[in-house]
Amino acid sequence: MAVETPEPPARAGSAHNREAVQAAAAEMFAEQGFAATGVRDIARRAGVDPALVIRYFGSKEKLFLRTMTMSDDFVGVVEGPLDGLGRALVDFVVRRTRRLQAHTPTAVYAALVRASDRPVVREHLQEAIDQMIVAPLAPRLRGDDAELRAHLLAAQLSGLMAALYVMESPWLRAASIDDIVERYGAALQVLVDG
């Protein structure tokens, strides 16, 4: 008869501490941004020693990149029907992710843009946009300029997200969601239809 041995307490505690650090970091980076969030602050919120943060992740920048990952939810929308895709993408950005909470795609996007003065963060953000929007969309578009149109669509969508969630345009944030979805969605649809 095989007897299961429990995981050693150090490992169980280590996994719990690592998860607590990641959760605290995600919340704080989304709330305060990269520059205003310190390793000691993250450790305090996670209830661990600051040395553990560095031991687990190597640096604040590596922890930021590990926790600020874009949602795969975009891929689900991008892979939807091409007819009406522009409106579906804008609806996703404006309606389904309106609240800035630590794990929403818009909160992560805003944190990444604010920290994009660092080359590694800028590269991470570009790769995420390419993976979530351009890569799944370009092969589905018709025409010789499909890849260009996919990149332009990603740029337009990024611009809307920046206006809403980085610059926090009071005018756009007060505008009717239905109007934004209709008008901006129609503009994106031109790129989809070619």
N, C-alpha and C. Protein backbone atom coordinates (compact mmCIF):
# COMPACT_ATOMS: atom_id res chain seq x y z
N MET A 1 0.84 -1.17 0.00
CA MET A 1 0.00 0.00 0.00
C MET A 1 0.89 1.24 0.00
N ALA A 2 0.69 2.11 -0.98
CA ALA A 2 1.49 3.33 -1.09
C ALA A 2 0.93 4.39 -0.16
N VAL A 3 1.81 5.02 0.53
CA VAL A 3 1.41 6.09 1.43
C VAL A 3 1.85 7.40 0.81
N GLU A 4 0.90 8.32 0.66
CA GLU A 4 1.25 9.63 0.11
C GLU A 4 1.92 10.47 1.18
N THR A 5 3.01 11.06 0.80
CA THR A 5 3.68 11.96 1.75
C THR A 5 3.32 13.39 1.38
N PRO A 6 2.99 14.17 2.37
CA PRO A 6 2.63 15.56 2.08
C PRO A 6 3.84 16.35 1.60
N GLU A 7 3.54 17.40 0.85
CA GLU A 7 4.61 18.27 0.35
C GLU A 7 5.29 18.92 1.55
N PRO A 8 6.61 19.02 1.51
CA PRO A 8 7.30 19.66 2.63
C PRO A 8 6.77 21.07 2.86
N PRO A 9 6.68 21.49 4.13
CA PRO A 9 6.12 22.80 4.43
C PRO A 9 6.84 23.95 3.73
N ALA A 10 8.14 23.87 3.54
CA ALA A 10 8.88 24.97 2.91
C ALA A 10 8.39 25.18 1.48
N ARG A 11 8.16 24.09 0.75
CA ARG A 11 7.68 24.22 -0.62
C ARG A 11 6.26 24.76 -0.66
N ALA A 12 5.40 24.24 0.19
CA ALA A 12 4.01 24.71 0.22
C ALA A 12 4.00 26.19 0.55
N GLY A 13 4.80 26.59 1.55
CA GLY A 13 4.88 28.00 1.91
C GLY A 13 5.48 28.83 0.80
N SER A 14 6.47 28.26 0.11
CA SER A 14 7.12 28.95 -0.98
C SER A 14 6.13 29.23 -2.11
N ALA A 15 5.34 28.23 -2.48
CA ALA A 15 4.34 28.41 -3.54
C ALA A 15 3.30 29.44 -3.12
N HIS A 16 2.88 29.37 -1.89
CA HIS A 16 1.89 30.33 -1.38
C HIS A 16 2.46 31.75 -1.40
N ASN A 17 3.71 31.88 -0.94
CA ASN A 17 4.36 33.20 -0.93
C ASN A 17 4.53 33.75 -2.34
N ARG A 18 4.94 32.91 -3.26
CA ARG A 18 5.13 33.33 -4.65
C ARG A 18 3.79 33.83 -5.23
N GLU A 19 2.72 33.08 -4.99
CA GLU A 19 1.40 33.49 -5.47
C GLU A 19 0.95 34.80 -4.82
N ALA A 20 1.24 34.94 -3.54
CA ALA A 20 0.87 36.17 -2.83
C ALA A 20 1.63 37.37 -3.40
N VAL A 21 2.91 37.18 -3.71
CA VAL A 21 3.71 38.25 -4.31
C VAL A 21 3.15 38.63 -5.68
N GLN A 22 2.85 37.63 -6.50
CA GLN A 22 2.31 37.91 -7.84
C GLN A 22 0.97 38.64 -7.75
N ALA A 23 0.11 38.21 -6.85
CA ALA A 23 -1.21 38.85 -6.71
C ALA A 23 -1.05 40.30 -6.23
N ALA A 24 -0.19 40.51 -5.25
CA ALA A 24 0.04 41.86 -4.74
C ALA A 24 0.66 42.74 -5.83
N ALA A 25 1.62 42.20 -6.55
CA ALA A 25 2.28 42.96 -7.61
C ALA A 25 1.29 43.34 -8.71
N ALA A 26 0.46 42.40 -9.13
CA ALA A 26 -0.52 42.69 -10.19
C ALA A 26 -1.45 43.82 -9.78
N GLU A 27 -1.93 43.76 -8.54
CA GLU A 27 -2.82 44.82 -8.05
C GLU A 27 -2.10 46.17 -7.99
N MET A 28 -0.91 46.17 -7.42
CA MET A 28 -0.19 47.43 -7.22
C MET A 28 0.30 48.03 -8.54
N PHE A 29 0.79 47.21 -9.45
CA PHE A 29 1.23 47.73 -10.74
C PHE A 29 0.04 48.32 -11.50
N ALA A 30 -1.12 47.65 -11.43
CA ALA A 30 -2.31 48.17 -12.12
C ALA A 30 -2.80 49.46 -11.47
N GLU A 31 -2.74 49.53 -10.14
CA GLU A 31 -3.23 50.71 -9.42
C GLU A 31 -2.27 51.89 -9.53
N GLN A 32 -0.96 51.64 -9.34
CA GLN A 32 0.01 52.72 -9.18
C GLN A 32 1.00 52.86 -10.32
N GLY A 33 1.11 51.82 -11.14
CA GLY A 33 2.11 51.83 -12.19
C GLY A 33 3.44 51.27 -11.72
N PHE A 34 4.34 51.09 -12.68
CA PHE A 34 5.64 50.49 -12.40
C PHE A 34 6.50 51.39 -11.50
N ALA A 35 6.64 52.64 -11.89
CA ALA A 35 7.56 53.55 -11.19
C ALA A 35 7.17 53.78 -9.74
N ALA A 36 5.88 53.87 -9.46
CA ALA A 36 5.43 54.19 -8.10
C ALA A 36 5.31 52.98 -7.19
N THR A 37 5.55 51.80 -7.73
CA THR A 37 5.43 50.57 -6.95
C THR A 37 6.81 50.07 -6.59
N GLY A 38 7.08 49.94 -5.31
CA GLY A 38 8.37 49.45 -4.85
C GLY A 38 8.32 48.00 -4.42
N VAL A 39 9.46 47.35 -4.45
CA VAL A 39 9.55 45.95 -4.03
C VAL A 39 9.12 45.81 -2.58
N ARG A 40 9.52 46.74 -1.74
CA ARG A 40 9.13 46.68 -0.32
C ARG A 40 7.61 46.80 -0.16
N ASP A 41 6.99 47.65 -0.98
CA ASP A 41 5.54 47.81 -0.93
C ASP A 41 4.83 46.51 -1.33
N ILE A 42 5.33 45.88 -2.38
CA ILE A 42 4.76 44.61 -2.83
C ILE A 42 4.91 43.57 -1.74
N ALA A 43 6.11 43.48 -1.18
CA ALA A 43 6.36 42.51 -0.12
C ALA A 43 5.45 42.75 1.08
N ARG A 44 5.29 44.00 1.46
CA ARG A 44 4.43 44.34 2.60
C ARG A 44 2.99 43.86 2.34
N ARG A 45 2.48 44.16 1.13
CA ARG A 45 1.11 43.76 0.82
C ARG A 45 0.97 42.24 0.76
N ALA A 46 2.02 41.56 0.29
CA ALA A 46 1.99 40.10 0.19
C ALA A 46 2.28 39.42 1.52
N GLY A 47 2.80 40.18 2.49
CA GLY A 47 3.12 39.62 3.80
C GLY A 47 4.38 38.77 3.79
N VAL A 48 5.36 39.18 2.97
CA VAL A 48 6.62 38.44 2.89
C VAL A 48 7.79 39.39 3.05
N ASP A 49 8.96 38.84 3.23
CA ASP A 49 10.19 39.61 3.29
C ASP A 49 10.54 40.11 1.89
N PRO A 50 10.98 41.36 1.75
CA PRO A 50 11.34 41.88 0.43
C PRO A 50 12.40 41.05 -0.30
N ALA A 51 13.27 40.40 0.44
CA ALA A 51 14.31 39.58 -0.19
C ALA A 51 13.69 38.42 -0.97
N LEU A 52 12.52 37.93 -0.51
CA LEU A 52 11.86 36.84 -1.23
C LEU A 52 11.38 37.29 -2.62
N VAL A 53 10.95 38.52 -2.72
CA VAL A 53 10.47 39.03 -4.01
C VAL A 53 11.60 38.93 -5.04
N ILE A 54 12.78 39.39 -4.65
CA ILE A 54 13.93 39.34 -5.56
C ILE A 54 14.37 37.90 -5.79
N ARG A 55 14.34 37.08 -4.75
CA ARG A 55 14.75 35.68 -4.90
C ARG A 55 13.83 34.94 -5.88
N TYR A 56 12.52 35.19 -5.79
CA TYR A 56 11.57 34.52 -6.68
C TYR A 56 11.62 35.03 -8.11
N PHE A 57 11.79 36.35 -8.29
CA PHE A 57 11.60 36.93 -9.62
C PHE A 57 12.84 37.62 -10.20
N GLY A 58 13.87 37.83 -9.40
CA GLY A 58 15.11 38.39 -9.91
C GLY A 58 15.18 39.90 -9.86
N SER A 59 14.09 40.58 -10.23
CA SER A 59 14.06 42.04 -10.20
C SER A 59 12.62 42.51 -10.26
N LYS A 60 12.42 43.77 -9.96
CA LYS A 60 11.08 44.35 -10.06
C LYS A 60 10.60 44.32 -11.51
N GLU A 61 11.49 44.59 -12.45
CA GLU A 61 11.12 44.58 -13.87
C GLU A 61 10.67 43.20 -14.31
N LYS A 62 11.37 42.15 -13.90
CA LYS A 62 10.98 40.79 -14.26
C LYS A 62 9.63 40.42 -13.62
N LEU A 63 9.41 40.85 -12.39
CA LEU A 63 8.12 40.62 -11.73
C LEU A 63 7.01 41.35 -12.48
N PHE A 64 7.29 42.56 -12.92
CA PHE A 64 6.31 43.34 -13.68
C PHE A 64 5.93 42.59 -14.96
N LEU A 65 6.92 42.14 -15.71
CA LEU A 65 6.64 41.42 -16.95
C LEU A 65 5.90 40.11 -16.71
N ARG A 66 6.21 39.48 -15.60
CA ARG A 66 5.55 38.20 -15.26
C ARG A 66 4.08 38.41 -14.89
N THR A 67 3.79 39.51 -14.21
CA THR A 67 2.41 39.72 -13.74
C THR A 67 1.56 40.53 -14.70
N MET A 68 2.19 41.36 -15.51
CA MET A 68 1.43 42.21 -16.43
C MET A 68 1.36 41.54 -17.80
N THR A 69 0.59 40.49 -17.87
CA THR A 69 0.40 39.77 -19.13
C THR A 69 -1.01 40.04 -19.64
N MET A 70 -1.11 40.24 -20.92
CA MET A 70 -2.40 40.55 -21.52
C MET A 70 -3.27 39.30 -21.56
N SER A 71 -4.55 39.54 -21.54
CA SER A 71 -5.54 38.48 -21.50
C SER A 71 -5.68 37.79 -22.85
N ASP A 72 -5.90 36.50 -22.81
CA ASP A 72 -6.19 35.76 -24.03
C ASP A 72 -7.62 36.01 -24.51
N ASP A 73 -8.40 36.75 -23.73
CA ASP A 73 -9.78 37.05 -24.13
C ASP A 73 -9.82 37.78 -25.46
N PHE A 74 -8.81 38.58 -25.75
CA PHE A 74 -8.76 39.29 -27.04
C PHE A 74 -8.77 38.29 -28.19
N VAL A 75 -8.01 37.22 -28.04
CA VAL A 75 -7.92 36.22 -29.11
C VAL A 75 -9.30 35.66 -29.41
N GLY A 76 -10.08 35.39 -28.36
CA GLY A 76 -11.43 34.88 -28.56
C GLY A 76 -12.29 35.82 -29.38
N VAL A 77 -12.16 37.11 -29.15
CA VAL A 77 -12.93 38.09 -29.91
C VAL A 77 -12.39 38.18 -31.33
N VAL A 78 -11.07 38.25 -31.49
CA VAL A 78 -10.45 38.37 -32.81
C VAL A 78 -10.79 37.16 -33.68
N GLU A 79 -10.92 36.00 -33.09
CA GLU A 79 -11.22 34.80 -33.85
C GLU A 79 -12.70 34.65 -34.16
N GLY A 80 -13.52 35.60 -33.72
CA GLY A 80 -14.95 35.57 -34.01
C GLY A 80 -15.22 35.92 -35.46
N PRO A 81 -16.50 36.00 -35.82
CA PRO A 81 -16.87 36.30 -37.21
C PRO A 81 -16.28 37.62 -37.68
N LEU A 82 -15.80 37.64 -38.93
CA LEU A 82 -15.23 38.87 -39.48
C LEU A 82 -16.30 39.93 -39.68
N ASP A 83 -17.50 39.51 -39.99
CA ASP A 83 -18.61 40.45 -40.15
C ASP A 83 -18.95 41.02 -38.76
N GLY A 84 -18.75 42.29 -38.58
CA GLY A 84 -19.02 42.92 -37.29
C GLY A 84 -17.87 42.85 -36.31
N LEU A 85 -16.69 42.41 -36.75
CA LEU A 85 -15.54 42.27 -35.86
C LEU A 85 -15.10 43.61 -35.27
N GLY A 86 -15.14 44.67 -36.07
CA GLY A 86 -14.74 45.99 -35.56
C GLY A 86 -15.56 46.38 -34.34
N ARG A 87 -16.87 46.23 -34.45
CA ARG A 87 -17.75 46.57 -33.33
C ARG A 87 -17.54 45.63 -32.14
N ALA A 88 -17.32 44.35 -32.42
CA ALA A 88 -17.10 43.38 -31.34
C ALA A 88 -15.84 43.72 -30.55
N LEU A 89 -14.77 44.12 -31.25
CA LEU A 89 -13.53 44.48 -30.56
C LEU A 89 -13.70 45.74 -29.71
N VAL A 90 -14.36 46.74 -30.28
CA VAL A 90 -14.57 47.98 -29.52
C VAL A 90 -15.49 47.71 -28.33
N ASP A 91 -16.51 46.91 -28.54
CA ASP A 91 -17.41 46.56 -27.44
C ASP A 91 -16.64 45.87 -26.32
N PHE A 92 -15.76 44.95 -26.69
CA PHE A 92 -14.94 44.26 -25.70
C PHE A 92 -14.10 45.24 -24.90
N VAL A 93 -13.45 46.16 -25.60
CA VAL A 93 -12.56 47.12 -24.95
C VAL A 93 -13.34 48.11 -24.08
N VAL A 94 -14.46 48.57 -24.57
CA VAL A 94 -15.18 49.65 -23.88
C VAL A 94 -16.16 49.14 -22.85
N ARG A 95 -16.88 48.08 -23.16
CA ARG A 95 -17.94 47.63 -22.26
C ARG A 95 -17.47 46.55 -21.29
N ARG A 96 -16.84 45.52 -21.81
CA ARG A 96 -16.52 44.38 -20.95
C ARG A 96 -15.31 44.61 -20.08
N THR A 97 -14.49 45.58 -20.40
CA THR A 97 -13.28 45.82 -19.60
C THR A 97 -13.26 47.25 -19.06
N ARG A 98 -14.42 47.87 -18.92
CA ARG A 98 -14.50 49.29 -18.54
C ARG A 98 -13.86 49.58 -17.18
N ARG A 99 -14.08 48.71 -16.24
CA ARG A 99 -13.53 48.95 -14.90
C ARG A 99 -12.04 48.59 -14.87
N LEU A 100 -11.26 49.48 -14.29
CA LEU A 100 -9.82 49.22 -14.19
C LEU A 100 -9.55 48.43 -12.91
N GLN A 101 -9.50 47.12 -13.06
CA GLN A 101 -9.14 46.25 -11.96
C GLN A 101 -7.86 45.53 -12.35
N ALA A 102 -7.18 44.97 -11.38
CA ALA A 102 -5.84 44.44 -11.62
C ALA A 102 -5.74 43.46 -12.77
N HIS A 103 -6.73 42.65 -13.00
CA HIS A 103 -6.57 41.59 -13.98
C HIS A 103 -7.34 41.82 -15.28
N THR A 104 -7.91 43.01 -15.48
CA THR A 104 -8.60 43.26 -16.74
C THR A 104 -7.56 43.58 -17.81
N PRO A 105 -7.87 43.24 -19.06
CA PRO A 105 -6.91 43.55 -20.13
C PRO A 105 -6.58 45.04 -20.20
N THR A 106 -7.54 45.90 -19.92
CA THR A 106 -7.27 47.33 -20.02
C THR A 106 -6.35 47.81 -18.90
N ALA A 107 -6.49 47.27 -17.71
CA ALA A 107 -5.59 47.65 -16.61
C ALA A 107 -4.17 47.21 -16.90
N VAL A 108 -4.03 46.01 -17.42
CA VAL A 108 -2.70 45.50 -17.78
C VAL A 108 -2.12 46.35 -18.91
N TYR A 109 -2.93 46.63 -19.92
CA TYR A 109 -2.48 47.45 -21.04
C TYR A 109 -2.00 48.82 -20.55
N ALA A 110 -2.80 49.45 -19.72
CA ALA A 110 -2.45 50.78 -19.20
C ALA A 110 -1.13 50.73 -18.43
N ALA A 111 -0.95 49.72 -17.60
CA ALA A 111 0.30 49.59 -16.83
C ALA A 111 1.49 49.38 -17.76
N LEU A 112 1.31 48.57 -18.80
CA LEU A 112 2.40 48.33 -19.75
C LEU A 112 2.75 49.59 -20.53
N VAL A 113 1.74 50.32 -20.98
CA VAL A 113 2.02 51.56 -21.74
C VAL A 113 2.75 52.56 -20.86
N ARG A 114 2.30 52.70 -19.62
CA ARG A 114 2.94 53.66 -18.71
C ARG A 114 4.40 53.31 -18.44
N ALA A 115 4.74 52.03 -18.54
CA ALA A 115 6.12 51.60 -18.28
C ALA A 115 6.90 51.33 -19.56
N SER A 116 6.34 51.72 -20.70
CA SER A 116 6.97 51.37 -21.98
C SER A 116 8.19 52.22 -22.33
N ASP A 117 8.63 53.07 -21.41
CA ASP A 117 9.90 53.76 -21.63
C ASP A 117 11.06 52.79 -21.44
N ARG A 118 10.79 51.62 -20.86
CA ARG A 118 11.79 50.58 -20.71
C ARG A 118 11.73 49.68 -21.95
N PRO A 119 12.83 49.50 -22.67
CA PRO A 119 12.80 48.72 -23.91
C PRO A 119 12.21 47.32 -23.76
N VAL A 120 12.52 46.63 -22.68
CA VAL A 120 12.02 45.26 -22.51
C VAL A 120 10.50 45.27 -22.32
N VAL A 121 9.96 46.28 -21.68
CA VAL A 121 8.50 46.38 -21.50
C VAL A 121 7.84 46.72 -22.83
N ARG A 122 8.43 47.65 -23.57
CA ARG A 122 7.89 48.02 -24.88
C ARG A 122 7.86 46.80 -25.81
N GLU A 123 8.93 46.02 -25.79
CA GLU A 123 9.00 44.81 -26.61
C GLU A 123 7.93 43.80 -26.17
N HIS A 124 7.76 43.65 -24.87
CA HIS A 124 6.75 42.74 -24.31
C HIS A 124 5.35 43.16 -24.76
N LEU A 125 5.07 44.45 -24.72
CA LEU A 125 3.77 44.98 -25.11
C LEU A 125 3.53 44.74 -26.60
N GLN A 126 4.54 45.01 -27.43
CA GLN A 126 4.39 44.80 -28.87
C GLN A 126 4.15 43.34 -29.19
N GLU A 127 4.88 42.46 -28.53
CA GLU A 127 4.69 41.01 -28.74
C GLU A 127 3.29 40.59 -28.35
N ALA A 128 2.78 41.13 -27.23
CA ALA A 128 1.43 40.77 -26.78
C ALA A 128 0.39 41.22 -27.79
N ILE A 129 0.52 42.43 -28.31
CA ILE A 129 -0.43 42.93 -29.31
C ILE A 129 -0.36 42.09 -30.58
N ASP A 130 0.85 41.76 -31.00
CA ASP A 130 1.01 40.92 -32.19
C ASP A 130 0.36 39.55 -32.00
N GLN A 131 0.57 38.93 -30.84
CA GLN A 131 0.02 37.61 -30.58
C GLN A 131 -1.49 37.62 -30.44
N MET A 132 -2.03 38.66 -29.82
CA MET A 132 -3.47 38.68 -29.54
C MET A 132 -4.30 39.19 -30.70
N ILE A 133 -3.75 40.08 -31.51
CA ILE A 133 -4.56 40.70 -32.55
C ILE A 133 -4.03 40.38 -33.94
N VAL A 134 -2.79 40.73 -34.22
CA VAL A 134 -2.26 40.62 -35.58
C VAL A 134 -2.16 39.17 -36.04
N ALA A 135 -1.53 38.32 -35.25
CA ALA A 135 -1.30 36.93 -35.67
C ALA A 135 -2.59 36.16 -35.96
N PRO A 136 -3.61 36.25 -35.10
CA PRO A 136 -4.83 35.51 -35.43
C PRO A 136 -5.68 36.18 -36.53
N LEU A 137 -5.52 37.49 -36.72
CA LEU A 137 -6.38 38.21 -37.66
C LEU A 137 -5.83 38.23 -39.08
N ALA A 138 -4.56 38.52 -39.25
CA ALA A 138 -3.98 38.70 -40.59
C ALA A 138 -4.27 37.54 -41.54
N PRO A 139 -4.11 36.29 -41.13
CA PRO A 139 -4.37 35.18 -42.07
C PRO A 139 -5.84 35.07 -42.50
N ARG A 140 -6.73 35.66 -41.72
CA ARG A 140 -8.16 35.57 -42.03
C ARG A 140 -8.64 36.67 -42.96
N LEU A 141 -7.85 37.72 -43.12
CA LEU A 141 -8.27 38.83 -43.97
C LEU A 141 -7.95 38.54 -45.43
N ARG A 142 -8.78 39.06 -46.30
CA ARG A 142 -8.55 38.89 -47.74
C ARG A 142 -7.72 40.06 -48.25
N GLY A 143 -6.94 39.79 -49.30
CA GLY A 143 -6.20 40.87 -49.95
C GLY A 143 -4.71 40.79 -49.69
N ASP A 144 -3.95 41.45 -50.57
CA ASP A 144 -2.49 41.46 -50.46
C ASP A 144 -2.00 42.26 -49.27
N ASP A 145 -2.82 43.19 -48.81
CA ASP A 145 -2.40 44.07 -47.71
C ASP A 145 -2.97 43.62 -46.36
N ALA A 146 -3.31 42.34 -46.24
CA ALA A 146 -3.96 41.83 -45.02
C ALA A 146 -3.13 42.09 -43.77
N GLU A 147 -1.83 41.84 -43.84
CA GLU A 147 -1.00 42.02 -42.65
C GLU A 147 -0.92 43.50 -42.26
N LEU A 148 -0.80 44.37 -43.24
CA LEU A 148 -0.78 45.80 -42.96
C LEU A 148 -2.09 46.22 -42.29
N ARG A 149 -3.22 45.75 -42.83
CA ARG A 149 -4.52 46.11 -42.26
C ARG A 149 -4.66 45.58 -40.84
N ALA A 150 -4.15 44.39 -40.56
CA ALA A 150 -4.21 43.84 -39.20
C ALA A 150 -3.39 44.70 -38.24
N HIS A 151 -2.21 45.14 -38.68
CA HIS A 151 -1.38 46.02 -37.84
C HIS A 151 -2.05 47.39 -37.63
N LEU A 152 -2.67 47.91 -38.68
CA LEU A 152 -3.37 49.19 -38.54
C LEU A 152 -4.56 49.06 -37.58
N LEU A 153 -5.28 47.96 -37.67
CA LEU A 153 -6.39 47.73 -36.74
C LEU A 153 -5.88 47.67 -35.30
N ALA A 154 -4.79 46.96 -35.09
CA ALA A 154 -4.20 46.87 -33.74
C ALA A 154 -3.79 48.25 -33.25
N ALA A 155 -3.22 49.07 -34.15
CA ALA A 155 -2.80 50.42 -33.76
C ALA A 155 -4.01 51.28 -33.40
N GLN A 156 -5.08 51.18 -34.19
CA GLN A 156 -6.28 51.96 -33.88
C GLN A 156 -6.89 51.53 -32.55
N LEU A 157 -6.96 50.24 -32.33
CA LEU A 157 -7.53 49.73 -31.08
C LEU A 157 -6.66 50.15 -29.90
N SER A 158 -5.33 50.09 -30.09
CA SER A 158 -4.41 50.55 -29.04
C SER A 158 -4.61 52.02 -28.73
N GLY A 159 -4.86 52.82 -29.77
CA GLY A 159 -5.11 54.24 -29.58
C GLY A 159 -6.35 54.49 -28.74
N LEU A 160 -7.42 53.75 -29.01
CA LEU A 160 -8.64 53.89 -28.22
C LEU A 160 -8.38 53.50 -26.77
N MET A 161 -7.68 52.39 -26.57
CA MET A 161 -7.38 51.95 -25.21
C MET A 161 -6.51 52.97 -24.48
N ALA A 162 -5.55 53.56 -25.18
CA ALA A 162 -4.70 54.58 -24.56
C ALA A 162 -5.52 55.80 -24.16
N ALA A 163 -6.41 56.24 -25.05
CA ALA A 163 -7.24 57.40 -24.74
C ALA A 163 -8.14 57.14 -23.53
N LEU A 164 -8.70 55.94 -23.45
CA LEU A 164 -9.62 55.62 -22.36
C LEU A 164 -8.92 55.28 -21.05
N TYR A 165 -7.84 54.50 -21.12
CA TYR A 165 -7.30 53.90 -19.91
C TYR A 165 -5.91 54.38 -19.51
N VAL A 166 -5.23 55.11 -20.38
CA VAL A 166 -3.94 55.68 -20.00
C VAL A 166 -4.10 57.19 -19.79
N MET A 167 -4.61 57.87 -20.81
CA MET A 167 -4.84 59.32 -20.68
C MET A 167 -6.15 59.61 -19.96
N GLU A 168 -7.02 58.60 -19.90
CA GLU A 168 -8.31 58.70 -19.21
C GLU A 168 -9.10 59.92 -19.65
N SER A 169 -9.27 60.03 -20.97
CA SER A 169 -10.01 61.15 -21.56
C SER A 169 -11.38 61.29 -20.91
N PRO A 170 -11.61 62.39 -20.19
CA PRO A 170 -12.92 62.54 -19.54
C PRO A 170 -14.06 62.61 -20.57
N TRP A 171 -13.75 63.17 -21.72
CA TRP A 171 -14.77 63.29 -22.76
C TRP A 171 -15.19 61.91 -23.25
N LEU A 172 -14.21 61.07 -23.60
CA LEU A 172 -14.53 59.73 -24.09
C LEU A 172 -15.13 58.85 -23.00
N ARG A 173 -14.65 59.00 -21.77
CA ARG A 173 -15.17 58.18 -20.68
C ARG A 173 -16.61 58.55 -20.34
N ALA A 174 -17.00 59.78 -20.67
CA ALA A 174 -18.38 60.21 -20.42
C ALA A 174 -19.30 59.95 -21.62
N ALA A 175 -18.71 59.64 -22.76
CA ALA A 175 -19.50 59.44 -23.99
C ALA A 175 -20.30 58.14 -23.89
N SER A 176 -21.33 58.07 -24.67
CA SER A 176 -22.17 56.87 -24.74
C SER A 176 -21.36 55.69 -25.25
N ILE A 177 -21.41 54.60 -24.53
CA ILE A 177 -20.69 53.39 -24.94
C ILE A 177 -21.21 52.92 -26.30
N ASP A 178 -22.53 52.96 -26.48
CA ASP A 178 -23.11 52.53 -27.76
C ASP A 178 -22.59 53.37 -28.92
N ASP A 179 -22.45 54.68 -28.70
CA ASP A 179 -21.93 55.56 -29.77
C ASP A 179 -20.47 55.23 -30.09
N ILE A 180 -19.68 55.00 -29.05
CA ILE A 180 -18.27 54.65 -29.29
C ILE A 180 -18.17 53.33 -30.04
N VAL A 181 -18.94 52.34 -29.61
CA VAL A 181 -18.91 51.03 -30.26
C VAL A 181 -19.32 51.17 -31.72
N GLU A 182 -20.39 51.91 -31.97
CA GLU A 182 -20.89 52.06 -33.34
C GLU A 182 -19.90 52.80 -34.23
N ARG A 183 -19.45 53.95 -33.80
CA ARG A 183 -18.60 54.79 -34.66
C ARG A 183 -17.18 54.25 -34.79
N TYR A 184 -16.56 53.92 -33.67
CA TYR A 184 -15.18 53.43 -33.73
C TYR A 184 -15.15 52.02 -34.33
N GLY A 185 -16.18 51.24 -34.00
CA GLY A 185 -16.27 49.90 -34.58
C GLY A 185 -16.38 49.93 -36.08
N ALA A 186 -17.15 50.91 -36.60
CA ALA A 186 -17.28 51.06 -38.06
C ALA A 186 -15.94 51.42 -38.70
N ALA A 187 -15.16 52.24 -38.02
CA ALA A 187 -13.83 52.61 -38.53
C ALA A 187 -12.91 51.39 -38.58
N LEU A 188 -12.95 50.56 -37.55
CA LEU A 188 -12.14 49.35 -37.56
C LEU A 188 -12.62 48.36 -38.62
N GLN A 189 -13.93 48.32 -38.83
CA GLN A 189 -14.48 47.38 -39.79
C GLN A 189 -14.00 47.65 -41.20
N VAL A 190 -13.72 48.92 -41.51
CA VAL A 190 -13.18 49.27 -42.83
C VAL A 190 -11.86 48.52 -43.06
N LEU A 191 -11.05 48.43 -42.03
CA LEU A 191 -9.78 47.69 -42.14
C LEU A 191 -10.02 46.19 -42.28
N VAL A 192 -11.01 45.67 -41.59
CA VAL A 192 -11.32 44.25 -41.69
C VAL A 192 -11.81 43.91 -43.10
N ASP A 193 -12.70 44.74 -43.62
CA ASP A 193 -13.30 44.47 -44.93
C ASP A 193 -12.36 44.76 -46.09
N GLY A 194 -11.43 45.67 -45.88
CA GLY A 194 -10.47 45.99 -46.94
C GLY A 194 -11.08 46.82 -48.02
